[in-house]
Amino acid sequence: MSRPTVEEAVSLAQEQILRDMRRGVVPSHCDSFEELQDYADANLYGNIGDHRYSFPSVEAWCDWANEVQDQLDAWLELRG
């Protein structure tokens, strides 16, 4: 399974996070990726933890996942 770009994963994660905020799973004042972990498994947003994606190495997956998380963290902070 080909992996999404960072931008695609971030966009999907934002939709999923906003959905969970509307449902009351995550409070609307959540302003960091770290705080998001208090309410949900944040690595599931944007399918970050989907092991079906192919990466050339664990390091490549970590780089991709970290970039997705960093962008989500910045987005959540701006929302706060």
Protein backbone atom coordinates (compact mmCIF):
# COMPACT_ATOMS: atom_id res chain seq x y z
CA MET A 1 0.00 0.00 0.00
CA SER A 2 1.49 3.33 -0.97
CA ARG A 3 1.72 5.85 1.80
CA PRO A 4 0.08 9.27 1.67
CA THR A 5 2.19 12.38 1.44
CA VAL A 6 2.78 14.31 4.63
CA GLU A 7 0.25 16.87 3.44
CA GLU A 8 -2.39 14.19 2.77
CA ALA A 9 -1.85 12.61 6.19
CA VAL A 10 -2.03 16.00 7.91
CA SER A 11 -5.24 16.91 6.08
CA LEU A 12 -6.87 13.59 6.99
CA ALA A 13 -5.73 13.93 10.61
CA GLN A 14 -7.14 17.45 10.85
CA GLU A 15 -10.53 16.21 9.61
CA GLN A 16 -10.45 13.34 12.10
CA ILE A 17 -9.41 15.58 15.01
CA LEU A 18 -12.11 18.13 14.25
CA ARG A 19 -14.66 15.31 14.04
CA ASP A 20 -13.57 14.05 17.46
CA MET A 21 -13.77 17.60 18.85
CA ARG A 22 -17.35 17.90 17.58
CA ARG A 23 -18.16 14.52 19.19
CA GLY A 24 -16.62 15.56 22.51
CA VAL A 25 -13.85 12.94 22.39
CA VAL A 26 -11.20 15.67 22.30
CA PRO A 27 -11.79 19.09 23.92
CA SER A 28 -11.82 22.02 21.52
CA HIS A 29 -9.11 23.73 23.59
CA CYS A 30 -6.57 20.96 22.90
CA ASP A 31 -3.53 22.86 21.65
CA SER A 32 -0.74 20.34 21.13
CA PHE A 33 -0.10 16.90 19.74
CA GLU A 34 1.18 15.86 23.16
CA GLU A 35 -2.07 16.95 24.84
CA LEU A 36 -4.04 15.14 22.14
CA GLN A 37 -2.50 11.92 23.48
CA ASP A 38 -4.37 12.54 26.77
CA TYR A 39 -7.69 11.98 25.01
CA ALA A 40 -7.00 9.58 22.14
CA ASP A 41 -4.26 7.56 20.51
CA ALA A 42 -3.02 10.49 18.46
CA ASN A 43 -0.93 8.20 16.27
CA LEU A 44 -4.13 6.90 14.73
CA TYR A 45 -5.05 10.32 13.34
CA GLY A 46 -4.06 10.58 9.70
CA ASN A 47 -3.38 6.85 9.83
CA ILE A 48 0.14 7.61 11.07
CA GLY A 49 0.44 4.18 12.63
CA ASP A 50 -0.89 2.23 9.65
CA HIS A 51 1.69 -0.51 9.17
CA ARG A 52 0.46 -1.31 5.67
CA TYR A 53 2.34 1.70 4.27
CA SER A 54 5.64 0.84 2.71
CA PHE A 55 8.76 2.72 3.72
CA PRO A 56 12.33 1.92 2.74
CA SER A 57 13.37 1.86 6.40
CA VAL A 58 12.15 2.41 9.94
CA GLU A 59 14.04 5.69 9.92
CA ALA A 60 12.12 6.84 6.82
CA TRP A 61 8.83 6.01 8.56
CA CYS A 62 9.95 7.90 11.68
CA ASP A 63 10.91 10.95 9.62
CA TRP A 64 7.52 10.91 7.86
CA ALA A 65 5.53 10.36 11.07
CA ASN A 66 7.48 13.04 12.95
CA GLU A 67 6.81 15.58 10.19
CA VAL A 68 3.08 14.78 10.26
CA GLN A 69 3.06 15.13 14.05
CA ASP A 70 5.05 18.39 13.94
CA GLN A 71 2.62 19.92 11.45
CA LEU A 72 -0.37 18.79 13.50
CA ASP A 73 1.22 20.21 16.63
CA ALA A 74 1.69 23.60 14.93
CA TRP A 75 -1.90 23.52 13.63
CA LEU A 76 -3.32 22.70 17.08
CA GLU A 77 -1.27 25.48 18.65
CA LEU A 78 -2.61 28.01 16.12
CA ARG A 79 -6.16 26.87 16.87
CA GLY A 80 -5.66 27.37 20.61
